[in-house]
């Protein structure tokens, strides 16, 4: 299942427009804030798919009953660009456990590169709900290798949600093929073109640089 918010009536589209706008995105604080807001709204949508249990609540004036999550999800993010999006999710799932993965492109000659995973920090995810976020889903390799690293070391989740703000068709298809039907994809927008250098067009540029400044 793939959900693309750009095709729905949602305030998410306003934030998508702003993070793409090359004038507005010069404001790093606003860029990060928009990623957080998108994260919180997507987290709310995913929260509708999770399981809840009823419990009694004591108020100052009596008793009532309400519903709360049966089990907290694990929120995983790909560093560094994923941090604002992760924070948006954490604002909603404020009791969730967290996982962090350092995955980056190691470039060779020409346009060739490979994705390397250097650092992983994660709780046990066996039979739990995993929400794995990264703002950009270009080729899909970083997302898949991050998922694979978590599963190999920390168990197989019962359900996985893959979340990106901007994706390419190629990346979506790759992740669907590699991770399989156990994963649901929540995408802000899915763009058609992926360049030879694996950049999404029209995309938005480098999310990490826009959020935190250019790197050497």
C-alpha atoms as a PDB file:
ATOM      1  CA  UNK A   1       0.000   0.000   0.000  1.00  0.00           C
ATOM      2  CA  UNK A   2       1.351   3.439  -0.989  1.00  0.00           C
ATOM      3  CA  UNK A   3      -0.268   6.651   0.229  1.00  0.00           C
ATOM      4  CA  UNK A   4       0.704   9.896  -1.500  1.00  0.00           C
ATOM      5  CA  UNK A   5      -0.491  12.999   0.355  1.00  0.00           C
ATOM      6  CA  UNK A   6       0.073  15.302  -2.625  1.00  0.00           C
ATOM      7  CA  UNK A   7      -2.989  13.684  -4.196  1.00  0.00           C
ATOM      8  CA  UNK A   8      -5.197  14.419  -1.171  1.00  0.00           C
ATOM      9  CA  UNK A   9      -6.794  17.538   0.255  1.00  0.00           C
ATOM     10  CA  UNK A  10      -4.474  18.201   3.179  1.00  0.00           C
ATOM     11  CA  UNK A  11      -2.533  21.064   4.782  1.00  0.00           C
ATOM     12  CA  UNK A  12       0.509  18.851   4.147  1.00  0.00           C
ATOM     13  CA  UNK A  13       0.459  20.191   0.580  1.00  0.00           C
ATOM     14  CA  UNK A  14       1.090  23.728   1.833  1.00  0.00           C
ATOM     15  CA  UNK A  15       4.149  22.573   3.736  1.00  0.00           C
ATOM     16  CA  UNK A  16       5.325  20.529   0.741  1.00  0.00           C
ATOM     17  CA  UNK A  17       5.136  23.630  -1.453  1.00  0.00           C
ATOM     18  CA  UNK A  18       7.166  25.633   1.061  1.00  0.00           C
ATOM     19  CA  UNK A  19       9.981  23.089   1.444  1.00  0.00           C
ATOM     20  CA  UNK A  20      10.257  22.905  -2.368  1.00  0.00           C
ATOM     21  CA  UNK A  21      10.206  26.697  -2.887  1.00  0.00           C
ATOM     22  CA  UNK A  22      13.814  27.787  -3.442  1.00  0.00           C
ATOM     23  CA  UNK A  23      13.129  31.169  -1.831  1.00  0.00           C
ATOM     24  CA  UNK A  24      11.298  29.989   1.285  1.00  0.00           C
ATOM     25  CA  UNK A  25      13.694  27.075   1.853  1.00  0.00           C
ATOM     26  CA  UNK A  26      16.575  29.525   2.388  1.00  0.00           C
ATOM     27  CA  UNK A  27      15.109  29.978   5.875  1.00  0.00           C
ATOM     28  CA  UNK A  28      16.595  26.905   7.588  1.00  0.00           C
ATOM     29  CA  UNK A  29      14.440  27.228  10.674  1.00  0.00           C
ATOM     30  CA  UNK A  30      11.262  27.288   8.582  1.00  0.00           C
ATOM     31  CA  UNK A  31      12.521  24.358   6.502  1.00  0.00           C
ATOM     32  CA  UNK A  32      13.076  22.279   9.647  1.00  0.00           C
ATOM     33  CA  UNK A  33       9.741  23.415  11.091  1.00  0.00           C
ATOM     34  CA  UNK A  34       7.916  22.322   7.948  1.00  0.00           C
ATOM     35  CA  UNK A  35       9.559  18.901   8.057  1.00  0.00           C
ATOM     36  CA  UNK A  36       8.473  18.578  11.695  1.00  0.00           C
ATOM     37  CA  UNK A  37       4.902  19.592  10.849  1.00  0.00           C
ATOM     38  CA  UNK A  38       4.740  17.111   7.992  1.00  0.00           C
ATOM     39  CA  UNK A  39       6.092  14.443  10.336  1.00  0.00           C
ATOM     40  CA  UNK A  40       3.476  15.155  12.986  1.00  0.00           C
ATOM     41  CA  UNK A  41       0.624  15.064  10.463  1.00  0.00           C
ATOM     42  CA  UNK A  42       1.849  11.816   8.914  1.00  0.00           C
ATOM     43  CA  UNK A  43       2.254  10.347  12.394  1.00  0.00           C
ATOM     44  CA  UNK A  44      -1.370  11.215  13.139  1.00  0.00           C
ATOM     45  CA  UNK A  45      -2.471   9.422   9.965  1.00  0.00           C
ATOM     46  CA  UNK A  46      -0.441   6.336  10.861  1.00  0.00           C
ATOM     47  CA  UNK A  47      -1.843   6.415  14.407  1.00  0.00           C
ATOM     48  CA  UNK A  48      -5.255   5.559  12.926  1.00  0.00           C
ATOM     49  CA  UNK A  49      -3.876   2.195  11.781  1.00  0.00           C
ATOM     50  CA  UNK A  50      -2.535   1.088  15.176  1.00  0.00           C
ATOM     51  CA  UNK A  51      -4.242  -0.971  17.903  1.00  0.00           C
ATOM     52  CA  UNK A  52      -5.819   0.584  20.981  1.00  0.00           C
ATOM     53  CA  UNK A  53      -7.120  -0.675  24.311  1.00  0.00           C
ATOM     54  CA  UNK A  54      -9.727   0.803  26.639  1.00  0.00           C
ATOM     55  CA  UNK A  55      -8.857   1.893  30.161  1.00  0.00           C
ATOM     56  CA  UNK A  56     -10.560   3.666  33.022  1.00  0.00           C
ATOM     57  CA  UNK A  57      -9.633   7.295  33.676  1.00  0.00           C
ATOM     58  CA  UNK A  58     -10.190   9.042  37.001  1.00  0.00           C
ATOM     59  CA  UNK A  59     -11.033  12.743  36.657  1.00  0.00           C
ATOM     60  CA  UNK A  60     -11.337  15.295  39.511  1.00  0.00           C
ATOM     61  CA  UNK A  61     -15.121  14.819  39.290  1.00  0.00           C
ATOM     62  CA  UNK A  62     -15.588  11.142  38.550  1.00  0.00           C
ATOM     63  CA  UNK A  63     -14.713   8.271  36.256  1.00  0.00           C
ATOM     64  CA  UNK A  64     -14.757   7.778  32.507  1.00  0.00           C
ATOM     65  CA  UNK A  65     -13.112   5.505  29.963  1.00  0.00           C
ATOM     66  CA  UNK A  66     -10.806   6.203  27.069  1.00  0.00           C
ATOM     67  CA  UNK A  67      -8.553   4.529  24.547  1.00  0.00           C
ATOM     68  CA  UNK A  68      -4.777   4.486  24.300  1.00  0.00           C
ATOM     69  CA  UNK A  69      -2.127   2.695  22.272  1.00  0.00           C
ATOM     70  CA  UNK A  70      -1.681  -0.949  23.177  1.00  0.00           C
ATOM     71  CA  UNK A  71       1.984  -0.917  22.188  1.00  0.00           C
ATOM     72  CA  UNK A  72       4.336   1.936  21.437  1.00  0.00           C
ATOM     73  CA  UNK A  73       5.999   1.924  17.994  1.00  0.00           C
ATOM     74  CA  UNK A  74       9.720   2.177  17.351  1.00  0.00           C
ATOM     75  CA  UNK A  75      10.624   5.366  15.471  1.00  0.00           C
ATOM     76  CA  UNK A  76      13.678   4.939  13.260  1.00  0.00           C
ATOM     77  CA  UNK A  77      15.417   7.676  11.296  1.00  0.00           C
ATOM     78  CA  UNK A  78      18.235   7.930   8.799  1.00  0.00           C
ATOM     79  CA  UNK A  79      20.775  10.568   9.919  1.00  0.00           C
ATOM     80  CA  UNK A  80      21.193  13.490   9.491  1.00  0.00           C
ATOM     81  CA  UNK A  81      18.408  14.764   7.247  1.00  0.00           C
ATOM     82  CA  UNK A  82      15.787  12.651   8.993  1.00  0.00           C
ATOM     83  CA  UNK A  83      16.089  14.375  12.383  1.00  0.00           C
ATOM     84  CA  UNK A  84      13.412  17.104  11.930  1.00  0.00           C
ATOM     85  CA  UNK A  85      10.966  14.600  10.432  1.00  0.00           C
ATOM     86  CA  UNK A  86      11.735  12.217  13.298  1.00  0.00           C
ATOM     87  CA  UNK A  87      11.049  14.975  15.819  1.00  0.00           C
ATOM     88  CA  UNK A  88       7.642  15.557  14.246  1.00  0.00           C
ATOM     89  CA  UNK A  89       6.806  11.890  14.742  1.00  0.00           C
ATOM     90  CA  UNK A  90       8.147  11.974  18.295  1.00  0.00           C
ATOM     91  CA  UNK A  91       5.852  14.897  19.102  1.00  0.00           C
ATOM     92  CA  UNK A  92       2.910  12.552  18.418  1.00  0.00           C
ATOM     93  CA  UNK A  93       4.327   9.230  19.633  1.00  0.00           C
ATOM     94  CA  UNK A  94       6.011  10.817  22.645  1.00  0.00           C
ATOM     95  CA  UNK A  95       6.503   7.510  24.502  1.00  0.00           C
ATOM     96  CA  UNK A  96       7.972   5.637  21.535  1.00  0.00           C
ATOM     97  CA  UNK A  97      11.336   3.894  21.513  1.00  0.00           C
ATOM     98  CA  UNK A  98      13.809   5.241  18.980  1.00  0.00           C
ATOM     99  CA  UNK A  99      16.342   3.957  16.466  1.00  0.00           C
ATOM    100  CA  UNK A 100      19.017   5.873  14.550  1.00  0.00           C
ATOM    101  CA  UNK A 101      20.932   4.795  11.452  1.00  0.00           C
ATOM    102  CA  UNK A 102      23.856   6.538   9.773  1.00  0.00           C
ATOM    103  CA  UNK A 103      23.635   5.804   6.035  1.00  0.00           C
ATOM    104  CA  UNK A 104      25.388   7.847   3.378  1.00  0.00           C
ATOM    105  CA  UNK A 105      26.422   7.793  -0.268  1.00  0.00           C
ATOM    106  CA  UNK A 106      30.072   6.898  -0.798  1.00  0.00           C
ATOM    107  CA  UNK A 107      30.887   8.285  -4.232  1.00  0.00           C
ATOM    108  CA  UNK A 108      33.318   6.722  -6.696  1.00  0.00           C
ATOM    109  CA  UNK A 109      34.386   7.947 -10.115  1.00  0.00           C
ATOM    110  CA  UNK A 110      31.717   9.498 -12.307  1.00  0.00           C
ATOM    111  CA  UNK A 111      28.149   9.129 -11.119  1.00  0.00           C
ATOM    112  CA  UNK A 112      28.660   5.813  -9.345  1.00  0.00           C
ATOM    113  CA  UNK A 113      28.202   5.470  -5.602  1.00  0.00           C
ATOM    114  CA  UNK A 114      27.368   2.904  -2.983  1.00  0.00           C
ATOM    115  CA  UNK A 115      25.377   3.317   0.205  1.00  0.00           C
ATOM    116  CA  UNK A 116      27.239   2.580   3.422  1.00  0.00           C
ATOM    117  CA  UNK A 117      25.702   2.086   6.864  1.00  0.00           C
ATOM    118  CA  UNK A 118      28.182   3.028   9.595  1.00  0.00           C
ATOM    119  CA  UNK A 119      26.201   3.360  12.813  1.00  0.00           C
ATOM    120  CA  UNK A 120      23.030   1.737  14.159  1.00  0.00           C
ATOM    121  CA  UNK A 121      21.356   2.264  17.536  1.00  0.00           C
ATOM    122  CA  UNK A 122      18.079   0.438  18.099  1.00  0.00           C
ATOM    123  CA  UNK A 123      15.956  -1.373  20.713  1.00  0.00           C
ATOM    124  CA  UNK A 124      14.472  -4.835  20.153  1.00  0.00           C
ATOM    125  CA  UNK A 125      11.953  -4.577  17.290  1.00  0.00           C
ATOM    126  CA  UNK A 126      10.849  -8.221  17.106  1.00  0.00           C
ATOM    127  CA  UNK A 127       7.075  -8.319  16.424  1.00  0.00           C
ATOM    128  CA  UNK A 128       6.755  -4.573  17.032  1.00  0.00           C
ATOM    129  CA  UNK A 129       5.629  -1.708  14.801  1.00  0.00           C
ATOM    130  CA  UNK A 130       8.556   0.026  13.099  1.00  0.00           C
ATOM    131  CA  UNK A 131       8.179   3.492  11.560  1.00  0.00           C
ATOM    132  CA  UNK A 132      11.255   4.274   9.475  1.00  0.00           C
ATOM    133  CA  UNK A 133      11.617   7.857   8.230  1.00  0.00           C
ATOM    134  CA  UNK A 134      13.901   9.657   5.796  1.00  0.00           C
ATOM    135  CA  UNK A 135      12.858  12.900   4.018  1.00  0.00           C
ATOM    136  CA  UNK A 136      14.089  11.780   0.586  1.00  0.00           C
ATOM    137  CA  UNK A 137      13.526   8.405  -1.089  1.00  0.00           C
ATOM    138  CA  UNK A 138      15.613   8.573  -4.268  1.00  0.00           C
ATOM    139  CA  UNK A 139      16.904   5.156  -5.359  1.00  0.00           C
ATOM    140  CA  UNK A 140      15.523   3.536  -2.210  1.00  0.00           C
ATOM    141  CA  UNK A 141      18.843   1.891  -1.392  1.00  0.00           C
ATOM    142  CA  UNK A 142      19.538   3.887   1.777  1.00  0.00           C
ATOM    143  CA  UNK A 143      16.087   3.108   3.124  1.00  0.00           C
ATOM    144  CA  UNK A 144      16.343  -0.587   2.300  1.00  0.00           C
ATOM    145  CA  UNK A 145      19.851  -0.988   3.734  1.00  0.00           C
ATOM    146  CA  UNK A 146      18.760   0.845   6.883  1.00  0.00           C
ATOM    147  CA  UNK A 147      15.780  -1.481   7.244  1.00  0.00           C
ATOM    148  CA  UNK A 148      17.948  -4.518   6.559  1.00  0.00           C
ATOM    149  CA  UNK A 149      20.497  -3.439   9.189  1.00  0.00           C
ATOM    150  CA  UNK A 150      17.772  -3.117  11.816  1.00  0.00           C
ATOM    151  CA  UNK A 151      16.160  -6.458  10.989  1.00  0.00           C
ATOM    152  CA  UNK A 152      19.447  -8.371  10.975  1.00  0.00           C
ATOM    153  CA  UNK A 153      20.481  -7.099  14.392  1.00  0.00           C
ATOM    154  CA  UNK A 154      17.287  -6.357  16.303  1.00  0.00           C
ATOM    155  CA  UNK A 155      14.508  -8.634  15.034  1.00  0.00           C
ATOM    156  CA  UNK A 156      11.748  -8.625  12.448  1.00  0.00           C
ATOM    157  CA  UNK A 157       8.931  -6.122  13.037  1.00  0.00           C
ATOM    158  CA  UNK A 158       5.315  -7.223  12.824  1.00  0.00           C
ATOM    159  CA  UNK A 159       4.512  -4.149  10.746  1.00  0.00           C
ATOM    160  CA  UNK A 160       6.657  -1.529   9.031  1.00  0.00           C
ATOM    161  CA  UNK A 161       5.774   1.962   7.856  1.00  0.00           C
ATOM    162  CA  UNK A 162       8.203   3.639   5.455  1.00  0.00           C
ATOM    163  CA  UNK A 163       7.867   7.425   5.465  1.00  0.00           C
ATOM    164  CA  UNK A 164       9.398  10.012   3.124  1.00  0.00           C
ATOM    165  CA  UNK A 165       8.500  13.564   2.215  1.00  0.00           C
ATOM    166  CA  UNK A 166       9.686  13.447  -1.415  1.00  0.00           C
ATOM    167  CA  UNK A 167      10.184  10.183  -3.309  1.00  0.00           C
ATOM    168  CA  UNK A 168      10.862   9.002  -6.840  1.00  0.00           C
ATOM    169  CA  UNK A 169       8.812   6.374  -8.627  1.00  0.00           C
ATOM    170  CA  UNK A 170      11.949   4.259  -8.902  1.00  0.00           C
ATOM    171  CA  UNK A 171      12.632   4.476  -5.174  1.00  0.00           C
ATOM    172  CA  UNK A 172       9.071   3.522  -4.265  1.00  0.00           C
ATOM    173  CA  UNK A 173       9.148   0.507  -6.558  1.00  0.00           C
ATOM    174  CA  UNK A 174      12.550  -0.587  -5.226  1.00  0.00           C
ATOM    175  CA  UNK A 175      11.450  -0.434  -1.576  1.00  0.00           C
ATOM    176  CA  UNK A 176       8.206  -2.272  -2.354  1.00  0.00           C
ATOM    177  CA  UNK A 177      10.135  -5.014  -4.122  1.00  0.00           C
ATOM    178  CA  UNK A 178      12.802  -5.389  -1.429  1.00  0.00           C
ATOM    179  CA  UNK A 179      10.789  -5.033   1.768  1.00  0.00           C
ATOM    180  CA  UNK A 180       7.601  -6.591   0.505  1.00  0.00           C
ATOM    181  CA  UNK A 181       3.955  -6.474   1.455  1.00  0.00           C
ATOM    182  CA  UNK A 182       4.708  -6.148   5.168  1.00  0.00           C
ATOM    183  CA  UNK A 183       5.530  -2.466   4.629  1.00  0.00           C
ATOM    184  CA  UNK A 184       3.155   0.424   4.006  1.00  0.00           C
ATOM    185  CA  UNK A 185       4.600   3.532   2.363  1.00  0.00           C
ATOM    186  CA  UNK A 186       3.528   7.036   3.368  1.00  0.00           C
ATOM    187  CA  UNK A 187       4.898   9.584   0.888  1.00  0.00           C
ATOM    188  CA  UNK A 188       4.376  13.327   0.752  1.00  0.00           C
ATOM    189  CA  UNK A 189       4.886  13.462  -3.018  1.00  0.00           C
ATOM    190  CA  UNK A 190       6.196  11.022  -5.615  1.00  0.00           C
ATOM    191  CA  UNK A 191       8.135  12.632  -8.468  1.00  0.00           C
ATOM    192  CA  UNK A 192       8.664  11.035 -11.860  1.00  0.00           C
ATOM    193  CA  UNK A 193      12.304  11.773 -12.638  1.00  0.00           C
ATOM    194  CA  UNK A 194      15.538  10.505 -11.120  1.00  0.00           C
ATOM    195  CA  UNK A 195      18.753  11.863 -12.645  1.00  0.00           C
ATOM    196  CA  UNK A 196      21.899   9.868 -13.481  1.00  0.00           C
ATOM    197  CA  UNK A 197      23.335  11.185 -10.209  1.00  0.00           C
ATOM    198  CA  UNK A 198      20.257   9.797  -8.374  1.00  0.00           C
ATOM    199  CA  UNK A 199      18.709  13.170  -7.542  1.00  0.00           C
ATOM    200  CA  UNK A 200      14.924  13.529  -7.533  1.00  0.00           C
ATOM    201  CA  UNK A 201      13.477  16.035 -10.023  1.00  0.00           C
ATOM    202  CA  UNK A 202      11.788  18.408  -9.330  1.00  0.00           C
ATOM    203  CA  UNK A 203      12.527  17.281  -5.741  1.00  0.00           C
ATOM    204  CA  UNK A 204      13.777  19.981  -3.382  1.00  0.00           C
ATOM    205  CA  UNK A 205      17.577  19.695  -3.282  1.00  0.00           C
ATOM    206  CA  UNK A 206      19.613  18.230  -0.420  1.00  0.00           C
ATOM    207  CA  UNK A 207      17.351  18.013   2.652  1.00  0.00           C
ATOM    208  CA  UNK A 208      20.273  17.661   5.065  1.00  0.00           C
ATOM    209  CA  UNK A 209      22.045  20.744   3.724  1.00  0.00           C
ATOM    210  CA  UNK A 210      18.828  22.777   3.736  1.00  0.00           C
ATOM    211  CA  UNK A 211      18.116  21.817   7.330  1.00  0.00           C
ATOM    212  CA  UNK A 212      21.615  22.047   8.808  1.00  0.00           C
ATOM    213  CA  UNK A 213      23.977  23.707   6.339  1.00  0.00           C
ATOM    214  CA  UNK A 214      26.252  22.499   3.579  1.00  0.00           C
ATOM    215  CA  UNK A 215      28.852  19.810   4.267  1.00  0.00           C
ATOM    216  CA  UNK A 216      32.296  19.304   2.785  1.00  0.00           C
END
